[in-house]
Amino acid sequence: YVLRASYAPASWQGGDAVVVSLSRAGLRPPPDAVLRERFGLTAREIGVARLLAHGRGNAEIARELYVSEATARTHTQRILGKLGVARRAQVAAALLAAAPAPR
């Protein structure tokens, strides 16, 4: 794990603060080829899955990819099915689980 902290002076948000984040070190999403082989995702679905893994909603995905929200929703549903997860919040974990182990 990597622990990061930053000091935010009083002028920020009305009072002194320390912002702390904790993240897992060394985890990288798998290459596209792994996602194609393991889950049968298309190139477009891989792009959408990566956006889902970053917490994007259907409206944001639609704007980023220049598609309708209905199209983004359809991609999302297909991805959830192919990954075998019930919720979009589970996409990131499913993608990371498919990643090759760090060396």
C-alpha atoms as a PDB file:
ATOM      1  CA  TYR A   1       0.000   0.000   0.000  1.00  0.00           C
ATOM      2  CA  VAL A   2       1.003   3.598  -0.587  1.00  0.00           C
ATOM      3  CA  LEU A   3       0.010   6.276   1.920  1.00  0.00           C
ATOM      4  CA  ARG A   4       0.008   9.886   0.738  1.00  0.00           C
ATOM      5  CA  ALA A   5      -0.791  12.998   2.749  1.00  0.00           C
ATOM      6  CA  SER A   6      -0.973  16.692   1.910  1.00  0.00           C
ATOM      7  CA  TYR A   7      -1.389  19.693   4.147  1.00  0.00           C
ATOM      8  CA  ALA A   8      -4.164  22.094   3.166  1.00  0.00           C
ATOM      9  CA  PRO A   9      -3.774  25.556   4.769  1.00  0.00           C
ATOM     10  CA  ALA A  10      -6.588  27.463   6.461  1.00  0.00           C
ATOM     11  CA  SER A  11      -7.545  29.276   3.273  1.00  0.00           C
ATOM     12  CA  TRP A  12      -8.767  25.989   1.819  1.00  0.00           C
ATOM     13  CA  GLN A  13     -12.270  24.941   2.915  1.00  0.00           C
ATOM     14  CA  GLY A  14     -12.250  27.321   5.870  1.00  0.00           C
ATOM     15  CA  GLY A  15      -9.735  25.566   8.129  1.00  0.00           C
ATOM     16  CA  ASP A  16      -6.484  23.668   8.237  1.00  0.00           C
ATOM     17  CA  ALA A  17      -6.742  20.105   7.029  1.00  0.00           C
ATOM     18  CA  VAL A  18      -4.658  17.116   6.112  1.00  0.00           C
ATOM     19  CA  VAL A  19      -5.813  15.140   3.100  1.00  0.00           C
ATOM     20  CA  VAL A  20      -4.787  11.482   3.250  1.00  0.00           C
ATOM     21  CA  SER A  21      -5.113   8.781   0.606  1.00  0.00           C
ATOM     22  CA  LEU A  22      -4.296   5.095   0.754  1.00  0.00           C
ATOM     23  CA  SER A  23      -3.897   3.069  -2.424  1.00  0.00           C
ATOM     24  CA  ARG A  24      -2.690  -0.358  -3.389  1.00  0.00           C
ATOM     25  CA  ALA A  25       0.753  -0.274  -4.927  1.00  0.00           C
ATOM     26  CA  GLY A  26       1.720  -2.173  -8.025  1.00  0.00           C
ATOM     27  CA  LEU A  27      -1.773  -2.933  -9.305  1.00  0.00           C
ATOM     28  CA  ARG A  28      -2.137  -2.308 -13.004  1.00  0.00           C
ATOM     29  CA  PRO A  29      -5.147  -3.043 -15.155  1.00  0.00           C
ATOM     30  CA  PRO A  30      -4.632  -5.904 -17.581  1.00  0.00           C
ATOM     31  CA  PRO A  31      -3.752  -5.282 -21.217  1.00  0.00           C
ATOM     32  CA  ASP A  32      -6.568  -5.203 -23.763  1.00  0.00           C
ATOM     33  CA  ALA A  33      -5.571  -8.620 -25.124  1.00  0.00           C
ATOM     34  CA  VAL A  34      -6.142 -10.212 -21.704  1.00  0.00           C
ATOM     35  CA  LEU A  35      -9.590  -8.639 -21.434  1.00  0.00           C
ATOM     36  CA  ARG A  36     -10.504  -9.811 -24.942  1.00  0.00           C
ATOM     37  CA  GLU A  37      -9.347 -13.363 -24.231  1.00  0.00           C
ATOM     38  CA  ARG A  38     -10.626 -13.758 -20.675  1.00  0.00           C
ATOM     39  CA  PHE A  39     -13.988 -11.986 -20.947  1.00  0.00           C
ATOM     40  CA  GLY A  40     -14.658 -11.752 -24.678  1.00  0.00           C
ATOM     41  CA  LEU A  41     -14.859  -7.955 -24.570  1.00  0.00           C
ATOM     42  CA  THR A  42     -14.822  -5.984 -27.804  1.00  0.00           C
ATOM     43  CA  ALA A  43     -12.513  -3.002 -28.232  1.00  0.00           C
ATOM     44  CA  ARG A  44     -15.392  -0.607 -27.461  1.00  0.00           C
ATOM     45  CA  GLU A  45     -16.429  -2.631 -24.401  1.00  0.00           C
ATOM     46  CA  ILE A  46     -12.852  -2.534 -23.100  1.00  0.00           C
ATOM     47  CA  GLY A  47     -12.894   1.258 -23.337  1.00  0.00           C
ATOM     48  CA  VAL A  48     -16.245   1.446 -21.563  1.00  0.00           C
ATOM     49  CA  ALA A  49     -15.121  -1.071 -18.905  1.00  0.00           C
ATOM     50  CA  ARG A  50     -12.080   1.076 -18.129  1.00  0.00           C
ATOM     51  CA  LEU A  51     -14.333   4.135 -17.744  1.00  0.00           C
ATOM     52  CA  LEU A  52     -16.659   2.158 -15.472  1.00  0.00           C
ATOM     53  CA  ALA A  53     -13.669   1.081 -13.400  1.00  0.00           C
ATOM     54  CA  HIS A  54     -12.866   4.759 -12.886  1.00  0.00           C
ATOM     55  CA  GLY A  55     -16.371   5.387 -11.563  1.00  0.00           C
ATOM     56  CA  ARG A  56     -17.900   7.015 -14.630  1.00  0.00           C
ATOM     57  CA  GLY A  57     -21.686   6.923 -15.001  1.00  0.00           C
ATOM     58  CA  ASN A  58     -23.575   6.317 -18.228  1.00  0.00           C
ATOM     59  CA  ALA A  59     -24.016  10.041 -18.913  1.00  0.00           C
ATOM     60  CA  GLU A  60     -20.268  10.659 -18.539  1.00  0.00           C
ATOM     61  CA  ILE A  61     -19.424   7.658 -20.711  1.00  0.00           C
ATOM     62  CA  ALA A  62     -21.843   8.860 -23.369  1.00  0.00           C
ATOM     63  CA  ARG A  63     -20.246  12.319 -23.421  1.00  0.00           C
ATOM     64  CA  GLU A  64     -16.678  10.962 -23.535  1.00  0.00           C
ATOM     65  CA  LEU A  65     -17.396   8.482 -26.324  1.00  0.00           C
ATOM     66  CA  TYR A  66     -19.866  10.641 -28.277  1.00  0.00           C
ATOM     67  CA  VAL A  67     -22.672   8.099 -28.031  1.00  0.00           C
ATOM     68  CA  SER A  68     -26.181   8.263 -26.584  1.00  0.00           C
ATOM     69  CA  GLU A  69     -26.847   7.416 -22.947  1.00  0.00           C
ATOM     70  CA  ALA A  70     -28.913   4.453 -24.144  1.00  0.00           C
ATOM     71  CA  THR A  71     -25.880   3.123 -26.028  1.00  0.00           C
ATOM     72  CA  ALA A  72     -23.668   3.639 -22.970  1.00  0.00           C
ATOM     73  CA  ARG A  73     -26.248   1.810 -20.834  1.00  0.00           C
ATOM     74  CA  THR A  74     -26.340  -1.090 -23.334  1.00  0.00           C
ATOM     75  CA  HIS A  75     -22.535  -1.366 -23.286  1.00  0.00           C
ATOM     76  CA  THR A  76     -22.582  -1.269 -19.475  1.00  0.00           C
ATOM     77  CA  GLN A  77     -25.131  -4.089 -19.237  1.00  0.00           C
ATOM     78  CA  ARG A  78     -23.197  -6.268 -21.685  1.00  0.00           C
ATOM     79  CA  ILE A  79     -19.945  -5.658 -19.801  1.00  0.00           C
ATOM     80  CA  LEU A  80     -21.522  -6.547 -16.454  1.00  0.00           C
ATOM     81  CA  GLY A  81     -22.767  -9.788 -17.973  1.00  0.00           C
ATOM     82  CA  LYS A  82     -19.445 -10.696 -19.557  1.00  0.00           C
ATOM     83  CA  LEU A  83     -17.536  -9.932 -16.355  1.00  0.00           C
ATOM     84  CA  GLY A  84     -20.063 -11.869 -14.278  1.00  0.00           C
ATOM     85  CA  VAL A  85     -20.745  -9.009 -11.879  1.00  0.00           C
ATOM     86  CA  ALA A  86     -24.048  -7.517 -10.761  1.00  0.00           C
ATOM     87  CA  ARG A  87     -23.027  -3.899 -10.146  1.00  0.00           C
ATOM     88  CA  ARG A  88     -20.865  -1.361 -11.921  1.00  0.00           C
ATOM     89  CA  ALA A  89     -18.941  -0.863  -8.661  1.00  0.00           C
ATOM     90  CA  GLN A  90     -17.578  -4.410  -9.100  1.00  0.00           C
ATOM     91  CA  VAL A  91     -16.059  -3.759 -12.536  1.00  0.00           C
ATOM     92  CA  ALA A  92     -12.717  -2.411 -11.269  1.00  0.00           C
ATOM     93  CA  ALA A  93     -12.181  -5.442  -9.026  1.00  0.00           C
ATOM     94  CA  ALA A  94     -13.041  -7.831 -11.862  1.00  0.00           C
ATOM     95  CA  LEU A  95     -10.578  -6.108 -14.208  1.00  0.00           C
ATOM     96  CA  LEU A  96      -7.799  -6.084 -11.624  1.00  0.00           C
ATOM     97  CA  ALA A  97      -8.409  -9.757 -10.832  1.00  0.00           C
ATOM     98  CA  ALA A  98      -7.725 -10.525 -14.499  1.00  0.00           C
ATOM     99  CA  ALA A  99      -4.399  -8.677 -14.432  1.00  0.00           C
ATOM    100  CA  PRO A 100      -1.197 -10.690 -14.491  1.00  0.00           C
ATOM    101  CA  ALA A 101       0.507 -10.880 -11.093  1.00  0.00           C
ATOM    102  CA  PRO A 102       3.159  -8.160 -10.526  1.00  0.00           C
ATOM    103  CA  ARG A 103       6.746  -9.340 -10.738  1.00  0.00           C
END
